[in-house]
Amino acid sequence: MAKAVKYLFVTMAIVELIAELMHWREFIFVLRLFLLPCLLLYYVLAKGEVWRPMYKLMVGAIFFSYVGDVSLLLTPEHPADLYILGIPKSKYLFIAGIAGYMVSHFYFIGAYRQSVMGSNVPSLFTRNKWAFAPVLLYGLVMASIVVPKVYADAEKSVATLPVLIYTTVLCSMVAFAINRQGRVPGQSFWWVMVGSLLFLFSDSLIAINFLAFPGLVPEPGFCIMSTFLAAEFLIAEGMIKTKG
């Protein structure tokens, strides 16, 4: 059953990405309402019968990612973009989207920490702090690019502090994924780490295209959703592969 749901999610994801390239807005809206719930169902079916704290935290992570995704779906892309399928849109839902994703990252961090419980290998934080330097540098560079643009925009300036906080939490999520190195099975580590990095890249595209330099990213829907869906799937699959 779990394998069938996984294939259904992958198929839906491929169809969604084709729809992004074709700009089928209404179809995209309906399909995305079911994408992450499908992934969540796969995770619940595949994780096994025992409900460890790690599994519960992952359910929360995927759920709040869904909250963030739907909130951004209902955020206007331009001033005239007021409704979709009769449902009103609001620019304030962009903040709700950031909040949803930020909460999901806290859940991811909790799940990553739970996945290394019982390991005899010391934390990478203590073994090699330099391993986290690229993530820190990336976060600082992105903040230096995006935050001044947000602050200078009268309509977007209210998001300045949330963007700073979100960037910190997002980079922390990636750092905790890296911190699993040597403390979980190799396959689990790599799937989760790559997924976390893709999440970082996907959110960077959102920040660049919708906050700092509107319209800069070509086919933003396809680029953002391809990296986002791959990130969610790889993290879920990697956490399933965590033993113990």
C-alpha atoms as a PDB file:
ATOM      1  CA  MET A   1       0.000   0.000   0.000  1.00  0.00           C
ATOM      2  CA  ALA A   2       2.771   2.435   0.933  1.00  0.00           C
ATOM      3  CA  LYS A   3       4.570   1.828  -2.374  1.00  0.00           C
ATOM      4  CA  ALA A   4       1.384   2.518  -4.343  1.00  0.00           C
ATOM      5  CA  VAL A   5       0.876   5.822  -2.496  1.00  0.00           C
ATOM      6  CA  LYS A   6       4.523   6.743  -3.152  1.00  0.00           C
ATOM      7  CA  TYR A   7       4.094   6.178  -6.877  1.00  0.00           C
ATOM      8  CA  LEU A   8       0.871   8.201  -6.774  1.00  0.00           C
ATOM      9  CA  PHE A   9       2.728  11.106  -5.157  1.00  0.00           C
ATOM     10  CA  VAL A  10       5.543  10.971  -7.731  1.00  0.00           C
ATOM     11  CA  THR A  11       3.020  10.857 -10.577  1.00  0.00           C
ATOM     12  CA  MET A  12       1.067  13.794  -9.150  1.00  0.00           C
ATOM     13  CA  ALA A  13       4.310  15.742  -8.681  1.00  0.00           C
ATOM     14  CA  ILE A  14       5.308  15.203 -12.322  1.00  0.00           C
ATOM     15  CA  VAL A  15       1.854  16.267 -13.525  1.00  0.00           C
ATOM     16  CA  GLU A  16       2.022  19.342 -11.276  1.00  0.00           C
ATOM     17  CA  LEU A  17       5.372  20.376 -12.737  1.00  0.00           C
ATOM     18  CA  ILE A  18       4.022  19.993 -16.285  1.00  0.00           C
ATOM     19  CA  ALA A  19       1.059  22.148 -15.247  1.00  0.00           C
ATOM     20  CA  GLU A  20       3.492  24.777 -13.912  1.00  0.00           C
ATOM     21  CA  LEU A  21       5.199  24.947 -17.314  1.00  0.00           C
ATOM     22  CA  MET A  22       1.811  25.184 -19.045  1.00  0.00           C
ATOM     23  CA  HIS A  23       0.557  27.798 -16.532  1.00  0.00           C
ATOM     24  CA  TRP A  24      -2.675  25.935 -15.792  1.00  0.00           C
ATOM     25  CA  ARG A  25      -3.417  27.987 -12.663  1.00  0.00           C
ATOM     26  CA  GLU A  26      -6.689  26.404 -11.564  1.00  0.00           C
ATOM     27  CA  PHE A  27      -5.406  22.872 -12.175  1.00  0.00           C
ATOM     28  CA  ILE A  28      -2.224  23.654 -10.214  1.00  0.00           C
ATOM     29  CA  PHE A  29      -4.294  25.003  -7.326  1.00  0.00           C
ATOM     30  CA  VAL A  30      -6.461  21.889  -7.064  1.00  0.00           C
ATOM     31  CA  LEU A  31      -3.554  19.463  -7.476  1.00  0.00           C
ATOM     32  CA  ARG A  32      -1.410  21.122  -4.804  1.00  0.00           C
ATOM     33  CA  LEU A  33      -4.223  20.751  -2.290  1.00  0.00           C
ATOM     34  CA  PHE A  34      -3.601  16.993  -2.456  1.00  0.00           C
ATOM     35  CA  LEU A  35       0.156  16.682  -3.061  1.00  0.00           C
ATOM     36  CA  LEU A  36       1.559  16.979   0.474  1.00  0.00           C
ATOM     37  CA  PRO A  37      -1.369  15.103   2.066  1.00  0.00           C
ATOM     38  CA  CYS A  38      -0.458  12.256  -0.308  1.00  0.00           C
ATOM     39  CA  LEU A  39       3.181  12.424   0.823  1.00  0.00           C
ATOM     40  CA  LEU A  40       2.061  12.476   4.449  1.00  0.00           C
ATOM     41  CA  LEU A  41      -0.078   9.382   3.883  1.00  0.00           C
ATOM     42  CA  TYR A  42       2.907   7.623   2.302  1.00  0.00           C
ATOM     43  CA  TYR A  43       5.097   8.510   5.274  1.00  0.00           C
ATOM     44  CA  VAL A  44       2.550   7.244   7.797  1.00  0.00           C
ATOM     45  CA  LEU A  45       2.126   3.973   5.891  1.00  0.00           C
ATOM     46  CA  ALA A  46       5.860   3.428   5.327  1.00  0.00           C
ATOM     47  CA  LYS A  47       7.273   4.316   8.747  1.00  0.00           C
ATOM     48  CA  GLY A  48       6.060   1.101  10.383  1.00  0.00           C
ATOM     49  CA  GLU A  49       3.749   0.333  13.258  1.00  0.00           C
ATOM     50  CA  VAL A  50       5.751   1.876  16.119  1.00  0.00           C
ATOM     51  CA  TRP A  51       5.120   5.593  16.644  1.00  0.00           C
ATOM     52  CA  ARG A  52       8.487   6.899  17.810  1.00  0.00           C
ATOM     53  CA  PRO A  53       8.730  10.641  18.671  1.00  0.00           C
ATOM     54  CA  MET A  54      10.721  11.119  15.462  1.00  0.00           C
ATOM     55  CA  TYR A  55       7.794   9.898  13.372  1.00  0.00           C
ATOM     56  CA  LYS A  56       5.310  12.178  15.124  1.00  0.00           C
ATOM     57  CA  LEU A  57       7.601  15.155  14.572  1.00  0.00           C
ATOM     58  CA  MET A  58       7.876  14.338  10.874  1.00  0.00           C
ATOM     59  CA  VAL A  59       4.088  14.267  10.580  1.00  0.00           C
ATOM     60  CA  GLY A  60       4.029  17.772  12.064  1.00  0.00           C
ATOM     61  CA  ALA A  61       6.782  18.904   9.688  1.00  0.00           C
ATOM     62  CA  ILE A  62       4.942  17.739   6.564  1.00  0.00           C
ATOM     63  CA  PHE A  63       1.611  19.113   7.846  1.00  0.00           C
ATOM     64  CA  PHE A  64       2.975  22.611   8.487  1.00  0.00           C
ATOM     65  CA  SER A  65       4.799  22.525   5.136  1.00  0.00           C
ATOM     66  CA  TYR A  66       1.329  21.973   3.679  1.00  0.00           C
ATOM     67  CA  VAL A  67      -0.007  24.976   5.624  1.00  0.00           C
ATOM     68  CA  GLY A  68       2.819  27.083   4.191  1.00  0.00           C
ATOM     69  CA  ASP A  69       2.237  25.808   0.661  1.00  0.00           C
ATOM     70  CA  VAL A  70      -1.502  26.502   0.689  1.00  0.00           C
ATOM     71  CA  SER A  71      -0.944  29.960   2.191  1.00  0.00           C
ATOM     72  CA  LEU A  72       1.428  30.867  -0.636  1.00  0.00           C
ATOM     73  CA  LEU A  73      -1.072  29.481  -3.139  1.00  0.00           C
ATOM     74  CA  LEU A  74      -3.578  32.030  -1.833  1.00  0.00           C
ATOM     75  CA  THR A  75      -1.085  34.913  -1.953  1.00  0.00           C
ATOM     76  CA  PRO A  76      -1.676  37.241  -4.956  1.00  0.00           C
ATOM     77  CA  GLU A  77       0.984  37.157  -7.661  1.00  0.00           C
ATOM     78  CA  HIS A  78       0.022  40.676  -8.826  1.00  0.00           C
ATOM     79  CA  PRO A  79      -2.503  43.384  -7.772  1.00  0.00           C
ATOM     80  CA  ALA A  80      -5.245  42.033 -10.048  1.00  0.00           C
ATOM     81  CA  ASP A  81      -4.826  38.454  -8.803  1.00  0.00           C
ATOM     82  CA  LEU A  82      -7.679  38.542  -6.292  1.00  0.00           C
ATOM     83  CA  TYR A  83      -9.442  35.163  -6.637  1.00  0.00           C
ATOM     84  CA  ILE A  84      -8.875  31.594  -7.759  1.00  0.00           C
ATOM     85  CA  LEU A  85     -11.847  29.296  -8.289  1.00  0.00           C
ATOM     86  CA  GLY A  86     -13.923  31.798  -6.329  1.00  0.00           C
ATOM     87  CA  ILE A  87     -11.611  31.699  -3.298  1.00  0.00           C
ATOM     88  CA  PRO A  88     -10.289  35.129  -2.247  1.00  0.00           C
ATOM     89  CA  LYS A  89      -6.548  35.766  -2.075  1.00  0.00           C
ATOM     90  CA  SER A  90      -4.738  38.016   0.392  1.00  0.00           C
ATOM     91  CA  LYS A  91      -1.234  39.492   0.451  1.00  0.00           C
ATOM     92  CA  TYR A  92      -1.152  38.864   4.204  1.00  0.00           C
ATOM     93  CA  LEU A  93      -1.144  35.131   3.569  1.00  0.00           C
ATOM     94  CA  PHE A  94       2.491  35.464   2.504  1.00  0.00           C
ATOM     95  CA  ILE A  95       3.337  35.991   6.187  1.00  0.00           C
ATOM     96  CA  ALA A  96       1.149  32.986   7.040  1.00  0.00           C
ATOM     97  CA  GLY A  97       3.131  30.987   4.497  1.00  0.00           C
ATOM     98  CA  ILE A  98       6.424  31.990   6.084  1.00  0.00           C
ATOM     99  CA  ALA A  99       5.001  31.092   9.512  1.00  0.00           C
ATOM    100  CA  GLY A 100       3.811  27.682   8.296  1.00  0.00           C
ATOM    101  CA  TYR A 101       7.171  26.807   6.799  1.00  0.00           C
ATOM    102  CA  MET A 102       9.030  28.136   9.843  1.00  0.00           C
ATOM    103  CA  VAL A 103       7.012  25.906  12.176  1.00  0.00           C
ATOM    104  CA  SER A 104       7.671  22.973   9.840  1.00  0.00           C
ATOM    105  CA  HIS A 105      11.420  23.605  10.141  1.00  0.00           C
ATOM    106  CA  PHE A 106      11.196  23.439  13.928  1.00  0.00           C
ATOM    107  CA  TYR A 107       9.510  20.063  13.534  1.00  0.00           C
ATOM    108  CA  PHE A 108      12.197  18.934  11.071  1.00  0.00           C
ATOM    109  CA  ILE A 109      14.886  19.986  13.563  1.00  0.00           C
ATOM    110  CA  GLY A 110      13.142  18.034  16.311  1.00  0.00           C
ATOM    111  CA  ALA A 111      12.866  14.965  14.086  1.00  0.00           C
ATOM    112  CA  TYR A 112      16.542  15.177  13.095  1.00  0.00           C
ATOM    113  CA  ARG A 113      17.562  15.398  16.750  1.00  0.00           C
ATOM    114  CA  GLN A 114      15.381  12.431  17.669  1.00  0.00           C
ATOM    115  CA  SER A 115      16.855  10.372  14.827  1.00  0.00           C
ATOM    116  CA  VAL A 116      20.350  10.475  16.392  1.00  0.00           C
ATOM    117  CA  MET A 117      19.239   9.626  19.930  1.00  0.00           C
ATOM    118  CA  GLY A 118      21.193   6.634  21.195  1.00  0.00           C
ATOM    119  CA  SER A 119      24.106   7.127  18.810  1.00  0.00           C
ATOM    120  CA  ASN A 120      27.549   6.720  20.367  1.00  0.00           C
ATOM    121  CA  VAL A 121      29.157   8.982  17.762  1.00  0.00           C
ATOM    122  CA  PRO A 122      29.795  12.539  19.039  1.00  0.00           C
ATOM    123  CA  SER A 123      27.850  15.395  17.482  1.00  0.00           C
ATOM    124  CA  LEU A 124      29.376  16.950  14.372  1.00  0.00           C
ATOM    125  CA  PHE A 125      28.881  20.279  16.133  1.00  0.00           C
ATOM    126  CA  THR A 126      31.671  19.176  18.485  1.00  0.00           C
ATOM    127  CA  ARG A 127      33.737  17.193  15.971  1.00  0.00           C
ATOM    128  CA  ASN A 128      34.004  19.731  13.154  1.00  0.00           C
ATOM    129  CA  LYS A 129      32.363  23.146  13.516  1.00  0.00           C
ATOM    130  CA  TRP A 130      33.803  24.217  10.146  1.00  0.00           C
ATOM    131  CA  ALA A 131      31.401  21.799   8.437  1.00  0.00           C
ATOM    132  CA  PHE A 132      28.647  24.324   9.076  1.00  0.00           C
ATOM    133  CA  ALA A 133      30.516  27.369   7.747  1.00  0.00           C
ATOM    134  CA  PRO A 134      29.089  27.108   4.184  1.00  0.00           C
ATOM    135  CA  VAL A 135      25.515  27.135   5.500  1.00  0.00           C
ATOM    136  CA  LEU A 136      26.229  30.130   7.732  1.00  0.00           C
ATOM    137  CA  LEU A 137      27.915  31.990   4.871  1.00  0.00           C
ATOM    138  CA  TYR A 138      25.055  31.196   2.496  1.00  0.00           C
ATOM    139  CA  GLY A 139      22.510  32.481   5.000  1.00  0.00           C
ATOM    140  CA  LEU A 140      24.436  35.709   5.528  1.00  0.00           C
ATOM    141  CA  VAL A 141      24.790  36.312   1.789  1.00  0.00           C
ATOM    142  CA  MET A 142      21.089  35.660   1.126  1.00  0.00           C
ATOM    143  CA  ALA A 143      20.073  37.935   4.003  1.00  0.00           C
ATOM    144  CA  SER A 144      22.357  40.712   2.741  1.00  0.00           C
ATOM    145  CA  ILE A 145      20.724  40.465  -0.699  1.00  0.00           C
ATOM    146  CA  VAL A 146      17.075  40.090   0.267  1.00  0.00           C
ATOM    147  CA  VAL A 147      16.590  42.009   3.526  1.00  0.00           C
ATOM    148  CA  PRO A 148      17.629  45.493   2.243  1.00  0.00           C
ATOM    149  CA  LYS A 149      15.256  45.107  -0.720  1.00  0.00           C
ATOM    150  CA  VAL A 150      12.383  44.057   1.553  1.00  0.00           C
ATOM    151  CA  TYR A 151      13.037  46.853   4.049  1.00  0.00           C
ATOM    152  CA  ALA A 152      13.157  49.488   1.311  1.00  0.00           C
ATOM    153  CA  ASP A 153       9.778  48.471  -0.117  1.00  0.00           C
ATOM    154  CA  ALA A 154       6.855  50.197   1.644  1.00  0.00           C
ATOM    155  CA  GLU A 155       4.486  47.254   1.106  1.00  0.00           C
ATOM    156  CA  LYS A 156       6.982  44.530   1.950  1.00  0.00           C
ATOM    157  CA  SER A 157       8.857  46.189   4.817  1.00  0.00           C
ATOM    158  CA  VAL A 158       6.555  44.572   7.383  1.00  0.00           C
ATOM    159  CA  ALA A 159       8.120  41.235   6.372  1.00  0.00           C
ATOM    160  CA  THR A 160      11.682  42.331   7.188  1.00  0.00           C
ATOM    161  CA  LEU A 161      11.888  40.786  10.654  1.00  0.00           C
ATOM    162  CA  PRO A 162       9.978  37.606   9.709  1.00  0.00           C
ATOM    163  CA  VAL A 163      12.363  37.106   6.766  1.00  0.00           C
ATOM    164  CA  LEU A 164      15.400  37.463   9.051  1.00  0.00           C
ATOM    165  CA  ILE A 165      13.976  35.035  11.599  1.00  0.00           C
ATOM    166  CA  TYR A 166      12.932  32.595   8.901  1.00  0.00           C
ATOM    167  CA  THR A 167      16.379  32.634   7.300  1.00  0.00           C
ATOM    168  CA  THR A 168      17.946  31.804  10.667  1.00  0.00           C
ATOM    169  CA  VAL A 169      15.537  28.923  11.308  1.00  0.00           C
ATOM    170  CA  LEU A 170      15.905  27.569   7.758  1.00  0.00           C
ATOM    171  CA  CYS A 171      19.707  27.527   7.950  1.00  0.00           C
ATOM    172  CA  SER A 172      19.465  25.903  11.392  1.00  0.00           C
ATOM    173  CA  MET A 173      17.323  23.141   9.892  1.00  0.00           C
ATOM    174  CA  VAL A 174      20.023  22.462   7.296  1.00  0.00           C
ATOM    175  CA  ALA A 175      22.716  22.526   9.996  1.00  0.00           C
ATOM    176  CA  PHE A 176      20.858  19.909  12.047  1.00  0.00           C
ATOM    177  CA  ALA A 177      20.543  17.748   8.927  1.00  0.00           C
ATOM    178  CA  ILE A 178      24.319  17.962   8.426  1.00  0.00           C
ATOM    179  CA  ASN A 179      24.813  17.192  12.114  1.00  0.00           C
ATOM    180  CA  ARG A 180      23.398  13.682  11.520  1.00  0.00           C
ATOM    181  CA  GLN A 181      26.571  12.728   9.630  1.00  0.00           C
ATOM    182  CA  GLY A 182      28.060   9.513  11.002  1.00  0.00           C
ATOM    183  CA  ARG A 183      25.247   9.105  13.513  1.00  0.00           C
ATOM    184  CA  VAL A 184      22.588   7.543  11.256  1.00  0.00           C
ATOM    185  CA  PRO A 185      22.808   5.107   8.313  1.00  0.00           C
ATOM    186  CA  GLY A 186      24.589   6.678   5.356  1.00  0.00           C
ATOM    187  CA  GLN A 187      21.620   6.432   3.011  1.00  0.00           C
ATOM    188  CA  SER A 188      19.352   8.166   5.531  1.00  0.00           C
ATOM    189  CA  PHE A 189      21.907  10.940   6.065  1.00  0.00           C
ATOM    190  CA  TRP A 190      22.396  11.705   2.380  1.00  0.00           C
ATOM    191  CA  TRP A 191      18.702  11.667   1.465  1.00  0.00           C
ATOM    192  CA  VAL A 192      17.859  14.044   4.313  1.00  0.00           C
ATOM    193  CA  MET A 193      20.841  16.315   3.737  1.00  0.00           C
ATOM    194  CA  VAL A 194      20.187  16.692  -0.001  1.00  0.00           C
ATOM    195  CA  GLY A 195      16.497  17.260   0.719  1.00  0.00           C
ATOM    196  CA  SER A 196      17.323  19.937   3.289  1.00  0.00           C
ATOM    197  CA  LEU A 197      19.675  21.704   0.874  1.00  0.00           C
ATOM    198  CA  LEU A 198      16.988  21.634  -1.814  1.00  0.00           C
ATOM    199  CA  PHE A 199      14.559  23.176   0.679  1.00  0.00           C
ATOM    200  CA  LEU A 200      17.098  25.943   1.285  1.00  0.00           C
ATOM    201  CA  PHE A 201      17.488  26.501  -2.455  1.00  0.00           C
ATOM    202  CA  SER A 202      13.725  26.462  -3.078  1.00  0.00           C
ATOM    203  CA  ASP A 203      13.081  29.065  -0.406  1.00  0.00           C
ATOM    204  CA  SER A 204      15.960  31.155  -1.754  1.00  0.00           C
ATOM    205  CA  LEU A 205      14.216  31.210  -5.143  1.00  0.00           C
ATOM    206  CA  ILE A 206      11.016  32.438  -3.463  1.00  0.00           C
ATOM    207  CA  ALA A 207      12.918  35.184  -1.658  1.00  0.00           C
ATOM    208  CA  ILE A 208      14.796  36.273  -4.768  1.00  0.00           C
ATOM    209  CA  ASN A 209      11.848  36.153  -7.164  1.00  0.00           C
ATOM    210  CA  PHE A 210       9.030  37.507  -4.998  1.00  0.00           C
ATOM    211  CA  LEU A 211      10.792  39.725  -2.456  1.00  0.00           C
ATOM    212  CA  ALA A 212      14.091  41.041  -3.794  1.00  0.00           C
ATOM    213  CA  PHE A 213      13.974  40.950  -7.610  1.00  0.00           C
ATOM    214  CA  PRO A 214      10.407  40.225  -8.845  1.00  0.00           C
ATOM    215  CA  GLY A 215      10.371  38.291 -12.096  1.00  0.00           C
ATOM    216  CA  LEU A 216      14.078  37.459 -12.076  1.00  0.00           C
ATOM    217  CA  VAL A 217      13.666  33.657 -11.949  1.00  0.00           C
ATOM    218  CA  PRO A 218      12.445  32.158 -15.258  1.00  0.00           C
ATOM    219  CA  GLU A 219       9.465  29.821 -14.840  1.00  0.00           C
ATOM    220  CA  PRO A 220       9.435  30.400 -11.065  1.00  0.00           C
ATOM    221  CA  GLY A 221       6.540  28.021 -10.437  1.00  0.00           C
ATOM    222  CA  PHE A 222       8.393  25.122 -12.032  1.00  0.00           C
ATOM    223  CA  CYS A 223      11.761  25.944 -10.441  1.00  0.00           C
ATOM    224  CA  ILE A 224      10.370  26.472  -6.957  1.00  0.00           C
ATOM    225  CA  MET A 225       7.976  23.526  -6.931  1.00  0.00           C
ATOM    226  CA  SER A 226      10.439  21.064  -8.464  1.00  0.00           C
ATOM    227  CA  THR A 227      12.987  21.760  -5.718  1.00  0.00           C
ATOM    228  CA  PHE A 228      10.335  21.988  -2.974  1.00  0.00           C
ATOM    229  CA  LEU A 229       8.613  18.702  -3.823  1.00  0.00           C
ATOM    230  CA  ALA A 230      11.955  16.929  -4.254  1.00  0.00           C
ATOM    231  CA  ALA A 231      13.039  18.308  -0.862  1.00  0.00           C
ATOM    232  CA  GLU A 232       9.919  17.109   0.940  1.00  0.00           C
ATOM    233  CA  PHE A 233      10.110  13.659  -0.660  1.00  0.00           C
ATOM    234  CA  LEU A 234      13.836  13.157  -0.026  1.00  0.00           C
ATOM    235  CA  ILE A 235      13.566  14.215   3.625  1.00  0.00           C
ATOM    236  CA  ALA A 236      10.551  11.943   4.207  1.00  0.00           C
ATOM    237  CA  GLU A 237      12.243   9.017   2.461  1.00  0.00           C
ATOM    238  CA  GLY A 238      15.501   9.611   4.317  1.00  0.00           C
ATOM    239  CA  MET A 239      13.781   9.667   7.689  1.00  0.00           C
ATOM    240  CA  ILE A 240      11.970   6.434   6.830  1.00  0.00           C
ATOM    241  CA  LYS A 241      15.392   4.899   6.214  1.00  0.00           C
ATOM    242  CA  THR A 242      16.578   5.870   9.712  1.00  0.00           C
ATOM    243  CA  LYS A 243      16.914   2.641  11.677  1.00  0.00           C
ATOM    244  CA  GLY A 244      16.236   1.960  15.311  1.00  0.00           C
END
